[in-house]
Amino acid sequence: MEGFGWQQLLDVAETDAKVIAIARDFLASLEPREVARLPERCRPRKLFTADDVGAFALDLVREHGEEMDEAAPIVHRMAAFFAHANIRLSHILSKANDDESGLRETA
């Protein structure tokens, strides 16, 4: 990942599968001591689909709005990442739908 941050990796991802893989790598990069301080609904979970990423982003944003202690910086970082991942997935899936609509119109 040298020269690239997590946000940049998301920006260049061209498929939903790639975004989900980056999200899994992001979660795997968290230190065990960071994970231990997280509120239950913010703990890493299995991500299989774009909906899983979106649901986790929502949980993180909701928790970020709550009063927190030492977990606040970690939750903030995770919320920012997953919000960005969710936006990137929206762009990718929207483009795929547009491309599919265009194919139907020309057929």
C-alpha atoms as a PDB file:
ATOM      1  CA  MET A   1       0.000   0.000   0.000  1.00  0.00           C
ATOM      2  CA  GLU A   2       3.075   2.238  -0.166  1.00  0.00           C
ATOM      3  CA  GLY A   3       2.221   5.666  -1.522  1.00  0.00           C
ATOM      4  CA  PHE A   4      -1.476   4.980  -1.296  1.00  0.00           C
ATOM      5  CA  GLY A   5      -3.814   5.444   1.630  1.00  0.00           C
ATOM      6  CA  TRP A   6      -7.054   3.604   2.214  1.00  0.00           C
ATOM      7  CA  GLN A   7      -9.153   6.383   0.669  1.00  0.00           C
ATOM      8  CA  GLN A   8      -7.029   6.389  -2.502  1.00  0.00           C
ATOM      9  CA  LEU A   9      -7.331   2.611  -2.796  1.00  0.00           C
ATOM     10  CA  LEU A  10     -11.096   2.992  -2.706  1.00  0.00           C
ATOM     11  CA  ASP A  11     -10.986   5.770  -5.301  1.00  0.00           C
ATOM     12  CA  VAL A  12      -9.210   3.580  -7.867  1.00  0.00           C
ATOM     13  CA  ALA A  13     -11.281   0.439  -7.201  1.00  0.00           C
ATOM     14  CA  GLU A  14     -13.328  -0.340 -10.285  1.00  0.00           C
ATOM     15  CA  THR A  15     -15.587  -3.127  -9.025  1.00  0.00           C
ATOM     16  CA  ASP A  16     -17.748  -3.736  -6.000  1.00  0.00           C
ATOM     17  CA  ALA A  17     -15.713  -6.888  -5.276  1.00  0.00           C
ATOM     18  CA  LYS A  18     -12.525  -4.813  -5.124  1.00  0.00           C
ATOM     19  CA  VAL A  19     -14.102  -2.287  -2.719  1.00  0.00           C
ATOM     20  CA  ILE A  20     -15.288  -5.127  -0.476  1.00  0.00           C
ATOM     21  CA  ALA A  21     -11.789  -6.678  -0.550  1.00  0.00           C
ATOM     22  CA  ILE A  22     -10.234  -3.324   0.423  1.00  0.00           C
ATOM     23  CA  ALA A  23     -12.760  -2.997   3.262  1.00  0.00           C
ATOM     24  CA  ARG A  24     -11.809  -6.458   4.527  1.00  0.00           C
ATOM     25  CA  ASP A  25      -8.118  -5.518   4.379  1.00  0.00           C
ATOM     26  CA  PHE A  26      -8.861  -2.301   6.277  1.00  0.00           C
ATOM     27  CA  LEU A  27     -10.565  -4.266   9.059  1.00  0.00           C
ATOM     28  CA  ALA A  28      -7.712  -6.771   9.133  1.00  0.00           C
ATOM     29  CA  SER A  29      -5.258  -3.899   9.614  1.00  0.00           C
ATOM     30  CA  LEU A  30      -6.828  -2.846  12.922  1.00  0.00           C
ATOM     31  CA  GLU A  31      -4.765  -3.608  15.980  1.00  0.00           C
ATOM     32  CA  PRO A  32      -6.303  -6.118  18.424  1.00  0.00           C
ATOM     33  CA  ARG A  33      -6.127  -3.510  21.207  1.00  0.00           C
ATOM     34  CA  GLU A  34      -8.124  -1.094  19.011  1.00  0.00           C
ATOM     35  CA  VAL A  35     -10.770  -3.718  18.289  1.00  0.00           C
ATOM     36  CA  ALA A  36     -11.045  -4.557  21.993  1.00  0.00           C
ATOM     37  CA  ARG A  37     -11.995  -0.938  22.788  1.00  0.00           C
ATOM     38  CA  LEU A  38     -14.739  -0.758  20.158  1.00  0.00           C
ATOM     39  CA  PRO A  39     -18.429  -0.798  21.079  1.00  0.00           C
ATOM     40  CA  GLU A  40     -20.065  -4.107  20.125  1.00  0.00           C
ATOM     41  CA  ARG A  41     -21.852  -2.879  16.978  1.00  0.00           C
ATOM     42  CA  CYS A  42     -18.588  -1.362  15.686  1.00  0.00           C
ATOM     43  CA  ARG A  43     -16.550  -4.536  15.921  1.00  0.00           C
ATOM     44  CA  PRO A  44     -15.269  -5.965  12.627  1.00  0.00           C
ATOM     45  CA  ARG A  45     -17.680  -8.296  10.916  1.00  0.00           C
ATOM     46  CA  LYS A  46     -17.822 -10.397   7.794  1.00  0.00           C
ATOM     47  CA  LEU A  47     -18.349  -8.406   4.620  1.00  0.00           C
ATOM     48  CA  PHE A  48     -19.696 -10.250   1.598  1.00  0.00           C
ATOM     49  CA  THR A  49     -21.791  -7.704  -0.296  1.00  0.00           C
ATOM     50  CA  ALA A  50     -22.181  -3.987  -0.893  1.00  0.00           C
ATOM     51  CA  ASP A  51     -25.161  -4.121   1.469  1.00  0.00           C
ATOM     52  CA  ASP A  52     -22.894  -5.466   4.235  1.00  0.00           C
ATOM     53  CA  VAL A  53     -20.540  -2.509   3.750  1.00  0.00           C
ATOM     54  CA  GLY A  54     -23.453  -0.065   3.779  1.00  0.00           C
ATOM     55  CA  ALA A  55     -24.962  -1.539   6.927  1.00  0.00           C
ATOM     56  CA  PHE A  56     -21.619  -1.410   8.726  1.00  0.00           C
ATOM     57  CA  ALA A  57     -21.081   2.201   7.594  1.00  0.00           C
ATOM     58  CA  LEU A  58     -24.482   3.107   9.034  1.00  0.00           C
ATOM     59  CA  ASP A  59     -23.732   1.399  12.359  1.00  0.00           C
ATOM     60  CA  LEU A  60     -20.405   3.236  12.604  1.00  0.00           C
ATOM     61  CA  VAL A  61     -21.923   6.629  11.802  1.00  0.00           C
ATOM     62  CA  ARG A  62     -24.696   6.051  14.334  1.00  0.00           C
ATOM     63  CA  GLU A  63     -22.181   5.093  17.005  1.00  0.00           C
ATOM     64  CA  HIS A  64     -19.934   8.008  16.077  1.00  0.00           C
ATOM     65  CA  GLY A  65     -22.786  10.338  17.038  1.00  0.00           C
ATOM     66  CA  GLU A  66     -22.988   8.771  20.492  1.00  0.00           C
ATOM     67  CA  GLU A  67     -20.988   9.802  23.534  1.00  0.00           C
ATOM     68  CA  MET A  68     -17.782   7.767  23.525  1.00  0.00           C
ATOM     69  CA  ASP A  69     -14.547   7.492  25.439  1.00  0.00           C
ATOM     70  CA  GLU A  70     -11.208   6.159  24.192  1.00  0.00           C
ATOM     71  CA  ALA A  71     -12.850   4.414  21.208  1.00  0.00           C
ATOM     72  CA  ALA A  72     -13.878   7.729  19.602  1.00  0.00           C
ATOM     73  CA  PRO A  73     -10.792   8.178  17.359  1.00  0.00           C
ATOM     74  CA  ILE A  74     -10.976   4.581  16.123  1.00  0.00           C
ATOM     75  CA  VAL A  75     -14.710   4.756  15.428  1.00  0.00           C
ATOM     76  CA  HIS A  76     -14.228   8.099  13.660  1.00  0.00           C
ATOM     77  CA  ARG A  77     -11.504   6.633  11.420  1.00  0.00           C
ATOM     78  CA  MET A  78     -13.623   3.566  10.671  1.00  0.00           C
ATOM     79  CA  ALA A  79     -16.757   5.650  10.022  1.00  0.00           C
ATOM     80  CA  ALA A  80     -14.861   7.876   7.573  1.00  0.00           C
ATOM     81  CA  PHE A  81     -13.443   4.867   5.739  1.00  0.00           C
ATOM     82  CA  PHE A  82     -16.734   2.973   5.497  1.00  0.00           C
ATOM     83  CA  ALA A  83     -18.712   6.062   4.493  1.00  0.00           C
ATOM     84  CA  HIS A  84     -16.214   6.572   1.670  1.00  0.00           C
ATOM     85  CA  ALA A  85     -16.413   2.880   0.723  1.00  0.00           C
ATOM     86  CA  ASN A  86     -20.206   3.087   0.638  1.00  0.00           C
ATOM     87  CA  ILE A  87     -20.096   6.154  -1.630  1.00  0.00           C
ATOM     88  CA  ARG A  88     -17.615   4.426  -3.942  1.00  0.00           C
ATOM     89  CA  LEU A  89     -19.858   1.364  -4.112  1.00  0.00           C
ATOM     90  CA  SER A  90     -22.803   3.605  -5.010  1.00  0.00           C
ATOM     91  CA  HIS A  91     -20.830   5.103  -7.901  1.00  0.00           C
ATOM     92  CA  ILE A  92     -19.686   1.714  -9.155  1.00  0.00           C
ATOM     93  CA  LEU A  93     -23.137   0.121  -8.923  1.00  0.00           C
ATOM     94  CA  SER A  94     -24.795   3.185 -10.483  1.00  0.00           C
ATOM     95  CA  LYS A  95     -22.383   3.071 -13.422  1.00  0.00           C
ATOM     96  CA  ALA A  96     -23.027  -0.658 -13.844  1.00  0.00           C
ATOM     97  CA  ASN A  97     -26.779  -0.006 -13.911  1.00  0.00           C
ATOM     98  CA  ASP A  98     -26.324   2.812 -16.440  1.00  0.00           C
ATOM     99  CA  ASP A  99     -24.170   0.576 -18.624  1.00  0.00           C
ATOM    100  CA  GLU A 100     -26.756  -2.207 -18.415  1.00  0.00           C
ATOM    101  CA  SER A 101     -29.555   0.214 -19.344  1.00  0.00           C
ATOM    102  CA  GLY A 102     -27.541   1.413 -22.321  1.00  0.00           C
ATOM    103  CA  LEU A 103     -27.062  -2.143 -23.520  1.00  0.00           C
ATOM    104  CA  ARG A 104     -30.808  -2.795 -23.320  1.00  0.00           C
ATOM    105  CA  GLU A 105     -31.582   0.351 -25.304  1.00  0.00           C
ATOM    106  CA  THR A 106     -29.245  -0.607 -28.129  1.00  0.00           C
ATOM    107  CA  ALA A 107     -30.525  -4.177 -28.343  1.00  0.00           C
END
